[in-house]
Amino acid sequence: KTVKFIITRQDTPESAPYEEEFEV
């Protein structure tokens, strides 16, 4: 019923990347 995503995110070009999980 749902699909899980782990997305690598980065707020600005200089900031460090991090992962955030979502379910749709």
mmCIF file of all heavy atoms, coordinates in Angstrom:
data_MODEL
# 
_entry.id   MODEL 
# 
loop_
_atom_site.group_PDB 
_atom_site.id 
_atom_site.type_symbol 
_atom_site.label_atom_id 
_atom_site.label_alt_id 
_atom_site.label_comp_id 
_atom_site.label_asym_id 
_atom_site.label_entity_id 
_atom_site.label_seq_id 
_atom_site.pdbx_PDB_ins_code 
_atom_site.Cartn_x 
_atom_site.Cartn_y 
_atom_site.Cartn_z 
_atom_site.occupancy 
_atom_site.B_iso_or_equiv 
_atom_site.pdbx_formal_charge 
_atom_site.auth_seq_id 
_atom_site.auth_comp_id 
_atom_site.auth_asym_id 
_atom_site.auth_atom_id 
_atom_site.pdbx_PDB_model_num 
ATOM 1   N N   . LYS A 1 1  ? 0.802  -1.227 0.000  1.00 0.00 ? 1  LYS A N   1 
ATOM 2   C CA  . LYS A 1 1  ? 0.000  0.000  0.000  1.00 0.00 ? 1  LYS A CA  1 
ATOM 3   C C   . LYS A 1 1  ? 0.835  1.277  0.000  1.00 0.00 ? 1  LYS A C   1 
ATOM 4   O O   . LYS A 1 1  ? 0.335  2.328  -0.326 1.00 0.00 ? 1  LYS A O   1 
ATOM 5   C CB  . LYS A 1 1  ? -0.962 0.033  1.198  1.00 0.00 ? 1  LYS A CB  1 
ATOM 6   C CG  . LYS A 1 1  ? -1.920 -1.155 1.282  1.00 0.00 ? 1  LYS A CG  1 
ATOM 7   C CD  . LYS A 1 1  ? -2.856 -1.191 0.093  1.00 0.00 ? 1  LYS A CD  1 
ATOM 8   C CE  . LYS A 1 1  ? -3.846 -2.341 0.211  1.00 0.00 ? 1  LYS A CE  1 
ATOM 9   N NZ  . LYS A 1 1  ? -4.726 -2.436 -0.961 1.00 0.00 ? 1  LYS A NZ  1 
ATOM 10  N N   . THR A 1 2  ? 2.101  1.184  0.376  1.00 0.00 ? 2  THR A N   1 
ATOM 11  C CA  . THR A 1 2  ? 2.958  2.374  0.371  1.00 0.00 ? 2  THR A CA  1 
ATOM 12  C C   . THR A 1 2  ? 4.296  2.041  -0.275 1.00 0.00 ? 2  THR A C   1 
ATOM 13  O O   . THR A 1 2  ? 4.685  0.869  -0.385 1.00 0.00 ? 2  THR A O   1 
ATOM 14  C CB  . THR A 1 2  ? 3.224  2.904  1.794  1.00 0.00 ? 2  THR A CB  1 
ATOM 15  O OG1 . THR A 1 2  ? 3.878  1.885  2.563  1.00 0.00 ? 2  THR A OG1 1 
ATOM 16  C CG2 . THR A 1 2  ? 1.920  3.320  2.467  1.00 0.00 ? 2  THR A CG2 1 
ATOM 17  N N   . VAL A 1 3  ? 4.991  3.077  -0.699 1.00 0.00 ? 3  VAL A N   1 
ATOM 18  C CA  . VAL A 1 3  ? 6.320  2.933  -1.277 1.00 0.00 ? 3  VAL A CA  1 
ATOM 19  C C   . VAL A 1 3  ? 7.283  3.779  -0.455 1.00 0.00 ? 3  VAL A C   1 
ATOM 20  O O   . VAL A 1 3  ? 7.017  4.951  -0.184 1.00 0.00 ? 3  VAL A O   1 
ATOM 21  C CB  . VAL A 1 3  ? 6.353  3.392  -2.752 1.00 0.00 ? 3  VAL A CB  1 
ATOM 22  C CG1 . VAL A 1 3  ? 7.735  3.154  -3.350 1.00 0.00 ? 3  VAL A CG1 1 
ATOM 23  C CG2 . VAL A 1 3  ? 5.295  2.683  -3.569 1.00 0.00 ? 3  VAL A CG2 1 
ATOM 24  N N   . LYS A 1 4  ? 8.381  3.172  -0.051 1.00 0.00 ? 4  LYS A N   1 
ATOM 25  C CA  . LYS A 1 4  ? 9.348  3.868  0.798  1.00 0.00 ? 4  LYS A CA  1 
ATOM 26  C C   . LYS A 1 4  ? 10.491 4.432  -0.043 1.00 0.00 ? 4  LYS A C   1 
ATOM 27  O O   . LYS A 1 4  ? 11.046 3.744  -0.902 1.00 0.00 ? 4  LYS A O   1 
ATOM 28  C CB  . LYS A 1 4  ? 9.912  2.925  1.858  1.00 0.00 ? 4  LYS A CB  1 
ATOM 29  C CG  . LYS A 1 4  ? 10.827 3.595  2.868  1.00 0.00 ? 4  LYS A CG  1 
ATOM 30  C CD  . LYS A 1 4  ? 11.261 2.621  3.956  1.00 0.00 ? 4  LYS A CD  1 
ATOM 31  C CE  . LYS A 1 4  ? 12.150 3.306  4.991  1.00 0.00 ? 4  LYS A CE  1 
ATOM 32  N NZ  . LYS A 1 4  ? 12.554 2.361  6.060  1.00 0.00 ? 4  LYS A NZ  1 
ATOM 33  N N   . PHE A 1 5  ? 10.824 5.692  0.211  1.00 0.00 ? 5  PHE A N   1 
ATOM 34  C CA  . PHE A 1 5  ? 11.928 6.372  -0.462 1.00 0.00 ? 5  PHE A CA  1 
ATOM 35  C C   . PHE A 1 5  ? 12.939 6.862  0.565  1.00 0.00 ? 5  PHE A C   1 
ATOM 36  O O   . PHE A 1 5  ? 12.568 7.376  1.618  1.00 0.00 ? 5  PHE A O   1 
ATOM 37  C CB  . PHE A 1 5  ? 11.421 7.577  -1.269 1.00 0.00 ? 5  PHE A CB  1 
ATOM 38  C CG  . PHE A 1 5  ? 10.695 7.210  -2.527 1.00 0.00 ? 5  PHE A CG  1 
ATOM 39  C CD1 . PHE A 1 5  ? 9.339  6.887  -2.501 1.00 0.00 ? 5  PHE A CD1 1 
ATOM 40  C CD2 . PHE A 1 5  ? 11.356 7.179  -3.738 1.00 0.00 ? 5  PHE A CD2 1 
ATOM 41  C CE1 . PHE A 1 5  ? 8.671  6.543  -3.660 1.00 0.00 ? 5  PHE A CE1 1 
ATOM 42  C CE2 . PHE A 1 5  ? 10.690 6.840  -4.909 1.00 0.00 ? 5  PHE A CE2 1 
ATOM 43  C CZ  . PHE A 1 5  ? 9.341  6.520  -4.877 1.00 0.00 ? 5  PHE A CZ  1 
ATOM 44  N N   . ILE A 1 6  ? 14.208 6.673  0.252  1.00 0.00 ? 6  ILE A N   1 
ATOM 45  C CA  . ILE A 1 6  ? 15.303 7.261  1.030  1.00 0.00 ? 6  ILE A CA  1 
ATOM 46  C C   . ILE A 1 6  ? 15.999 8.257  0.105  1.00 0.00 ? 6  ILE A C   1 
ATOM 47  O O   . ILE A 1 6  ? 16.642 7.867  -0.879 1.00 0.00 ? 6  ILE A O   1 
ATOM 48  C CB  . ILE A 1 6  ? 16.287 6.195  1.528  1.00 0.00 ? 6  ILE A CB  1 
ATOM 49  C CG1 . ILE A 1 6  ? 15.562 5.162  2.392  1.00 0.00 ? 6  ILE A CG1 1 
ATOM 50  C CG2 . ILE A 1 6  ? 17.428 6.846  2.312  1.00 0.00 ? 6  ILE A CG2 1 
ATOM 51  C CD1 . ILE A 1 6  ? 16.443 4.021  2.857  1.00 0.00 ? 6  ILE A CD1 1 
ATOM 52  N N   . ILE A 1 7  ? 15.856 9.531  0.400  1.00 0.00 ? 7  ILE A N   1 
ATOM 53  C CA  . ILE A 1 7  ? 16.319 10.588 -0.496 1.00 0.00 ? 7  ILE A CA  1 
ATOM 54  C C   . ILE A 1 7  ? 17.505 11.321 0.112  1.00 0.00 ? 7  ILE A C   1 
ATOM 55  O O   . ILE A 1 7  ? 17.452 11.757 1.272  1.00 0.00 ? 7  ILE A O   1 
ATOM 56  C CB  . ILE A 1 7  ? 15.177 11.585 -0.795 1.00 0.00 ? 7  ILE A CB  1 
ATOM 57  C CG1 . ILE A 1 7  ? 13.973 10.839 -1.400 1.00 0.00 ? 7  ILE A CG1 1 
ATOM 58  C CG2 . ILE A 1 7  ? 15.649 12.685 -1.727 1.00 0.00 ? 7  ILE A CG2 1 
ATOM 59  C CD1 . ILE A 1 7  ? 12.776 11.721 -1.654 1.00 0.00 ? 7  ILE A CD1 1 
ATOM 60  N N   . THR A 1 8  ? 18.571 11.427 -0.656 1.00 0.00 ? 8  THR A N   1 
ATOM 61  C CA  . THR A 1 8  ? 19.725 12.230 -0.243 1.00 0.00 ? 8  THR A CA  1 
ATOM 62  C C   . THR A 1 8  ? 19.410 13.692 -0.494 1.00 0.00 ? 8  THR A C   1 
ATOM 63  O O   . THR A 1 8  ? 19.166 14.097 -1.634 1.00 0.00 ? 8  THR A O   1 
ATOM 64  C CB  . THR A 1 8  ? 20.988 11.815 -1.016 1.00 0.00 ? 8  THR A CB  1 
ATOM 65  O OG1 . THR A 1 8  ? 21.265 10.434 -0.761 1.00 0.00 ? 8  THR A OG1 1 
ATOM 66  C CG2 . THR A 1 8  ? 22.183 12.661 -0.575 1.00 0.00 ? 8  THR A CG2 1 
ATOM 67  N N   . ARG A 1 9  ? 19.432 14.472 0.569  1.00 0.00 ? 9  ARG A N   1 
ATOM 68  C CA  . ARG A 1 9  ? 19.056 15.876 0.469  1.00 0.00 ? 9  ARG A CA  1 
ATOM 69  C C   . ARG A 1 9  ? 20.237 16.785 0.819  1.00 0.00 ? 9  ARG A C   1 
ATOM 70  O O   . ARG A 1 9  ? 21.198 16.371 1.479  1.00 0.00 ? 9  ARG A O   1 
ATOM 71  C CB  . ARG A 1 9  ? 17.873 16.181 1.393  1.00 0.00 ? 9  ARG A CB  1 
ATOM 72  C CG  . ARG A 1 9  ? 16.684 15.244 1.194  1.00 0.00 ? 9  ARG A CG  1 
ATOM 73  C CD  . ARG A 1 9  ? 15.429 15.799 1.800  1.00 0.00 ? 9  ARG A CD  1 
ATOM 74  N NE  . ARG A 1 9  ? 15.071 17.083 1.184  1.00 0.00 ? 9  ARG A NE  1 
ATOM 75  C CZ  . ARG A 1 9  ? 14.041 17.838 1.585  1.00 0.00 ? 9  ARG A CZ  1 
ATOM 76  N NH1 . ARG A 1 9  ? 13.292 17.445 2.607  1.00 0.00 ? 9  ARG A NH1 1 
ATOM 77  N NH2 . ARG A 1 9  ? 13.776 18.979 0.975  1.00 0.00 ? 9  ARG A NH2 1 
ATOM 78  N N   . GLN A 1 10 ? 20.161 18.016 0.350  1.00 0.00 ? 10 GLN A N   1 
ATOM 79  C CA  . GLN A 1 10 ? 21.192 19.018 0.630  1.00 0.00 ? 10 GLN A CA  1 
ATOM 80  C C   . GLN A 1 10 ? 20.542 20.385 0.546  1.00 0.00 ? 10 GLN A C   1 
ATOM 81  O O   . GLN A 1 10 ? 20.015 20.765 -0.498 1.00 0.00 ? 10 GLN A O   1 
ATOM 82  C CB  . GLN A 1 10 ? 22.346 18.883 -0.377 1.00 0.00 ? 10 GLN A CB  1 
ATOM 83  C CG  . GLN A 1 10 ? 23.566 19.724 -0.032 1.00 0.00 ? 10 GLN A CG  1 
ATOM 84  C CD  . GLN A 1 10 ? 24.768 19.367 -0.887 1.00 0.00 ? 10 GLN A CD  1 
ATOM 85  O OE1 . GLN A 1 10 ? 24.918 18.224 -1.316 1.00 0.00 ? 10 GLN A OE1 1 
ATOM 86  N NE2 . GLN A 1 10 ? 25.618 20.352 -1.146 1.00 0.00 ? 10 GLN A NE2 1 
ATOM 87  N N   . ASP A 1 11 ? 20.554 21.112 1.627  1.00 0.00 ? 11 ASP A N   1 
ATOM 88  C CA  . ASP A 1 11 ? 19.801 22.363 1.710  1.00 0.00 ? 11 ASP A CA  1 
ATOM 89  C C   . ASP A 1 11 ? 20.396 23.481 0.859  1.00 0.00 ? 11 ASP A C   1 
ATOM 90  O O   . ASP A 1 11 ? 19.668 24.280 0.273  1.00 0.00 ? 11 ASP A O   1 
ATOM 91  C CB  . ASP A 1 11 ? 19.699 22.811 3.172  1.00 0.00 ? 11 ASP A CB  1 
ATOM 92  C CG  . ASP A 1 11 ? 18.940 21.796 4.023  1.00 0.00 ? 11 ASP A CG  1 
ATOM 93  O OD1 . ASP A 1 11 ? 18.069 21.097 3.461  1.00 0.00 ? 11 ASP A OD1 1 
ATOM 94  O OD2 . ASP A 1 11 ? 19.222 21.691 5.227  1.00 0.00 ? 11 ASP A OD2 1 
ATOM 95  N N   . THR A 1 12 ? 21.725 23.549 0.810  1.00 0.00 ? 12 THR A N   1 
ATOM 96  C CA  . THR A 1 12 ? 22.411 24.568 0.011  1.00 0.00 ? 12 THR A CA  1 
ATOM 97  C C   . THR A 1 12 ? 23.607 23.926 -0.674 1.00 0.00 ? 12 THR A C   1 
ATOM 98  O O   . THR A 1 12 ? 24.025 22.820 -0.301 1.00 0.00 ? 12 THR A O   1 
ATOM 99  C CB  . THR A 1 12 ? 22.917 25.738 0.890  1.00 0.00 ? 12 THR A CB  1 
ATOM 100 O OG1 . THR A 1 12 ? 23.953 25.251 1.761  1.00 0.00 ? 12 THR A OG1 1 
ATOM 101 C CG2 . THR A 1 12 ? 21.783 26.324 1.729  1.00 0.00 ? 12 THR A CG2 1 
ATOM 102 N N   . PRO A 1 13 ? 24.196 24.591 -1.665 1.00 0.00 ? 13 PRO A N   1 
ATOM 103 C CA  . PRO A 1 13 ? 25.374 24.013 -2.326 1.00 0.00 ? 13 PRO A CA  1 
ATOM 104 C C   . PRO A 1 13 ? 26.541 23.767 -1.367 1.00 0.00 ? 13 PRO A C   1 
ATOM 105 O O   . PRO A 1 13 ? 27.363 22.885 -1.624 1.00 0.00 ? 13 PRO A O   1 
ATOM 106 C CB  . PRO A 1 13 ? 25.736 25.076 -3.374 1.00 0.00 ? 13 PRO A CB  1 
ATOM 107 C CG  . PRO A 1 13 ? 24.451 25.768 -3.670 1.00 0.00 ? 13 PRO A CG  1 
ATOM 108 C CD  . PRO A 1 13 ? 23.714 25.800 -2.366 1.00 0.00 ? 13 PRO A CD  1 
ATOM 109 N N   . GLU A 1 14 ? 26.617 24.535 -0.278 1.00 0.00 ? 14 GLU A N   1 
ATOM 110 C CA  . GLU A 1 14 ? 27.734 24.410 0.645  1.00 0.00 ? 14 GLU A CA  1 
ATOM 111 C C   . GLU A 1 14 ? 27.455 23.484 1.831  1.00 0.00 ? 14 GLU A C   1 
ATOM 112 O O   . GLU A 1 14 ? 28.378 23.047 2.507  1.00 0.00 ? 14 GLU A O   1 
ATOM 113 C CB  . GLU A 1 14 ? 28.123 25.796 1.199  1.00 0.00 ? 14 GLU A CB  1 
ATOM 114 C CG  . GLU A 1 14 ? 28.677 26.760 0.164  1.00 0.00 ? 14 GLU A CG  1 
ATOM 115 C CD  . GLU A 1 14 ? 27.583 27.398 -0.686 1.00 0.00 ? 14 GLU A CD  1 
ATOM 116 O OE1 . GLU A 1 14 ? 26.424 27.441 -0.210 1.00 0.00 ? 14 GLU A OE1 1 
ATOM 117 O OE2 . GLU A 1 14 ? 27.871 27.821 -1.821 1.00 0.00 ? 14 GLU A OE2 1 
ATOM 118 N N   . SER A 1 15 ? 26.193 23.188 2.111  1.00 0.00 ? 15 SER A N   1 
ATOM 119 C CA  . SER A 1 15 ? 25.857 22.394 3.288  1.00 0.00 ? 15 SER A CA  1 
ATOM 120 C C   . SER A 1 15 ? 26.107 20.911 3.056  1.00 0.00 ? 15 SER A C   1 
ATOM 121 O O   . SER A 1 15 ? 26.228 20.449 1.920  1.00 0.00 ? 15 SER A O   1 
ATOM 122 C CB  . SER A 1 15 ? 24.398 22.622 3.682  1.00 0.00 ? 15 SER A CB  1 
ATOM 123 O OG  . SER A 1 15 ? 23.530 22.221 2.634  1.00 0.00 ? 15 SER A OG  1 
ATOM 124 N N   . ALA A 1 16 ? 26.163 20.159 4.141  1.00 0.00 ? 16 ALA A N   1 
ATOM 125 C CA  . ALA A 1 16 ? 26.435 18.721 4.068  1.00 0.00 ? 16 ALA A CA  1 
ATOM 126 C C   . ALA A 1 16 ? 25.171 17.958 3.664  1.00 0.00 ? 16 ALA A C   1 
ATOM 127 O O   . ALA A 1 16 ? 24.071 18.308 4.083  1.00 0.00 ? 16 ALA A O   1 
ATOM 128 C CB  . ALA A 1 16 ? 26.937 18.220 5.414  1.00 0.00 ? 16 ALA A CB  1 
ATOM 129 N N   . PRO A 1 17 ? 25.314 16.920 2.855  1.00 0.00 ? 17 PRO A N   1 
ATOM 130 C CA  . PRO A 1 17 ? 24.147 16.111 2.480  1.00 0.00 ? 17 PRO A CA  1 
ATOM 131 C C   . PRO A 1 17 ? 23.675 15.238 3.640  1.00 0.00 ? 17 PRO A C   1 
ATOM 132 O O   . PRO A 1 17 ? 24.459 14.880 4.526  1.00 0.00 ? 17 PRO A O   1 
ATOM 133 C CB  . PRO A 1 17 ? 24.669 15.266 1.320  1.00 0.00 ? 17 PRO A CB  1 
ATOM 134 C CG  . PRO A 1 17 ? 26.146 15.189 1.535  1.00 0.00 ? 17 PRO A CG  1 
ATOM 135 C CD  . PRO A 1 17 ? 26.548 16.480 2.187  1.00 0.00 ? 17 PRO A CD  1 
ATOM 136 N N   . TYR A 1 18 ? 22.413 14.900 3.638  1.00 0.00 ? 18 TYR A N   1 
ATOM 137 C CA  . TYR A 1 18 ? 21.830 14.010 4.638  1.00 0.00 ? 18 TYR A CA  1 
ATOM 138 C C   . TYR A 1 18 ? 20.705 13.221 3.995  1.00 0.00 ? 18 TYR A C   1 
ATOM 139 O O   . TYR A 1 18 ? 20.220 13.570 2.918  1.00 0.00 ? 18 TYR A O   1 
ATOM 140 C CB  . TYR A 1 18 ? 21.319 14.812 5.841  1.00 0.00 ? 18 TYR A CB  1 
ATOM 141 C CG  . TYR A 1 18 ? 20.211 15.789 5.502  1.00 0.00 ? 18 TYR A CG  1 
ATOM 142 C CD1 . TYR A 1 18 ? 18.870 15.448 5.640  1.00 0.00 ? 18 TYR A CD1 1 
ATOM 143 C CD2 . TYR A 1 18 ? 20.512 17.080 5.043  1.00 0.00 ? 18 TYR A CD2 1 
ATOM 144 C CE1 . TYR A 1 18 ? 17.857 16.347 5.317  1.00 0.00 ? 18 TYR A CE1 1 
ATOM 145 C CE2 . TYR A 1 18 ? 19.507 17.979 4.721  1.00 0.00 ? 18 TYR A CE2 1 
ATOM 146 C CZ  . TYR A 1 18 ? 18.186 17.602 4.865  1.00 0.00 ? 18 TYR A CZ  1 
ATOM 147 O OH  . TYR A 1 18 ? 17.186 18.490 4.547  1.00 0.00 ? 18 TYR A OH  1 
ATOM 148 N N   . GLU A 1 19 ? 20.296 12.149 4.639  1.00 0.00 ? 19 GLU A N   1 
ATOM 149 C CA  . GLU A 1 19 ? 19.227 11.311 4.106  1.00 0.00 ? 19 GLU A CA  1 
ATOM 150 C C   . GLU A 1 19 ? 17.933 11.531 4.868  1.00 0.00 ? 19 GLU A C   1 
ATOM 151 O O   . GLU A 1 19 ? 17.944 11.741 6.078  1.00 0.00 ? 19 GLU A O   1 
ATOM 152 C CB  . GLU A 1 19 ? 19.613 9.829  4.166  1.00 0.00 ? 19 GLU A CB  1 
ATOM 153 C CG  . GLU A 1 19 ? 20.713 9.450  3.193  1.00 0.00 ? 19 GLU A CG  1 
ATOM 154 C CD  . GLU A 1 19 ? 20.975 7.948  3.174  1.00 0.00 ? 19 GLU A CD  1 
ATOM 155 O OE1 . GLU A 1 19 ? 20.512 7.258  4.120  1.00 0.00 ? 19 GLU A OE1 1 
ATOM 156 O OE2 . GLU A 1 19 ? 21.643 7.456  2.238  1.00 0.00 ? 19 GLU A OE2 1 
ATOM 157 N N   . GLU A 1 20 ? 16.833 11.495 4.134  1.00 0.00 ? 20 GLU A N   1 
ATOM 158 C CA  . GLU A 1 20 ? 15.514 11.629 4.743  1.00 0.00 ? 20 GLU A CA  1 
ATOM 159 C C   . GLU A 1 20 ? 14.585 10.597 4.108  1.00 0.00 ? 20 GLU A C   1 
ATOM 160 O O   . GLU A 1 20 ? 14.614 10.390 2.898  1.00 0.00 ? 20 GLU A O   1 
ATOM 161 C CB  . GLU A 1 20 ? 14.964 13.043 4.546  1.00 0.00 ? 20 GLU A CB  1 
ATOM 162 C CG  . GLU A 1 20 ? 13.759 13.344 5.425  1.00 0.00 ? 20 GLU A CG  1 
ATOM 163 C CD  . GLU A 1 20 ? 13.452 14.832 5.521  1.00 0.00 ? 20 GLU A CD  1 
ATOM 164 O OE1 . GLU A 1 20 ? 13.859 15.585 4.602  1.00 0.00 ? 20 GLU A OE1 1 
ATOM 165 O OE2 . GLU A 1 20 ? 12.813 15.240 6.489  1.00 0.00 ? 20 GLU A OE2 1 
ATOM 166 N N   . GLU A 1 21 ? 13.779 9.951  4.938  1.00 0.00 ? 21 GLU A N   1 
ATOM 167 C CA  . GLU A 1 21 ? 12.911 8.877  4.470  1.00 0.00 ? 21 GLU A CA  1 
ATOM 168 C C   . GLU A 1 21 ? 11.463 9.358  4.342  1.00 0.00 ? 21 GLU A C   1 
ATOM 169 O O   . GLU A 1 21 ? 10.980 10.125 5.169  1.00 0.00 ? 21 GLU A O   1 
ATOM 170 C CB  . GLU A 1 21 ? 12.976 7.684  5.428  1.00 0.00 ? 21 GLU A CB  1 
ATOM 171 C CG  . GLU A 1 21 ? 14.362 7.061  5.519  1.00 0.00 ? 21 GLU A CG  1 
ATOM 172 C CD  . GLU A 1 21 ? 14.382 5.829  6.418  1.00 0.00 ? 21 GLU A CD  1 
ATOM 173 O OE1 . GLU A 1 21 ? 13.283 5.344  6.793  1.00 0.00 ? 21 GLU A OE1 1 
ATOM 174 O OE2 . GLU A 1 21 ? 15.484 5.361  6.753  1.00 0.00 ? 21 GLU A OE2 1 
ATOM 175 N N   . PHE A 1 22 ? 10.820 8.868  3.279  1.00 0.00 ? 22 PHE A N   1 
ATOM 176 C CA  . PHE A 1 22 ? 9.419  9.214  3.025  1.00 0.00 ? 22 PHE A CA  1 
ATOM 177 C C   . PHE A 1 22 ? 8.664  7.944  2.623  1.00 0.00 ? 22 PHE A C   1 
ATOM 178 O O   . PHE A 1 22 ? 9.259  6.998  2.088  1.00 0.00 ? 22 PHE A O   1 
ATOM 179 C CB  . PHE A 1 22 ? 9.298  10.249 1.894  1.00 0.00 ? 22 PHE A CB  1 
ATOM 180 C CG  . PHE A 1 22 ? 9.942  11.570 2.181  1.00 0.00 ? 22 PHE A CG  1 
ATOM 181 C CD1 . PHE A 1 22 ? 11.283 11.799 1.856  1.00 0.00 ? 22 PHE A CD1 1 
ATOM 182 C CD2 . PHE A 1 22 ? 9.221  12.599 2.774  1.00 0.00 ? 22 PHE A CD2 1 
ATOM 183 C CE1 . PHE A 1 22 ? 11.878 13.026 2.112  1.00 0.00 ? 22 PHE A CE1 1 
ATOM 184 C CE2 . PHE A 1 22 ? 9.812  13.822 3.038  1.00 0.00 ? 22 PHE A CE2 1 
ATOM 185 C CZ  . PHE A 1 22 ? 11.139 14.030 2.706  1.00 0.00 ? 22 PHE A CZ  1 
ATOM 186 N N   . GLU A 1 23 ? 7.375  7.959  2.853  1.00 0.00 ? 23 GLU A N   1 
ATOM 187 C CA  . GLU A 1 23 ? 6.494  6.908  2.353  1.00 0.00 ? 23 GLU A CA  1 
ATOM 188 C C   . GLU A 1 23 ? 5.333  7.568  1.632  1.00 0.00 ? 23 GLU A C   1 
ATOM 189 O O   . GLU A 1 23 ? 4.746  8.527  2.136  1.00 0.00 ? 23 GLU A O   1 
ATOM 190 C CB  . GLU A 1 23 ? 5.974  6.022  3.498  1.00 0.00 ? 23 GLU A CB  1 
ATOM 191 C CG  . GLU A 1 23 ? 7.003  5.027  4.007  1.00 0.00 ? 23 GLU A CG  1 
ATOM 192 C CD  . GLU A 1 23 ? 6.397  4.017  4.967  1.00 0.00 ? 23 GLU A CD  1 
ATOM 193 O OE1 . GLU A 1 23 ? 5.198  4.142  5.284  1.00 0.00 ? 23 GLU A OE1 1 
ATOM 194 O OE2 . GLU A 1 23 ? 7.122  3.112  5.417  1.00 0.00 ? 23 GLU A OE2 1 
ATOM 195 N N   . VAL A 1 24 ? 5.043  7.065  0.449  1.00 0.00 ? 24 VAL A N   1 
ATOM 196 C CA  . VAL A 1 24 ? 3.936  7.618  -0.339 1.00 0.00 ? 24 VAL A CA  1 
ATOM 197 C C   . VAL A 1 24 ? 2.959  6.499  -0.660 1.00 0.00 ? 24 VAL A C   1 
ATOM 198 O O   . VAL A 1 24 ? 3.352  5.327  -0.770 1.00 0.00 ? 24 VAL A O   1 
ATOM 199 C CB  . VAL A 1 24 ? 4.451  8.275  -1.644 1.00 0.00 ? 24 VAL A CB  1 
ATOM 200 C CG1 . VAL A 1 24 ? 5.398  9.422  -1.335 1.00 0.00 ? 24 VAL A CG1 1 
ATOM 201 C CG2 . VAL A 1 24 ? 5.139  7.252  -2.530 1.00 0.00 ? 24 VAL A CG2 1 
# 
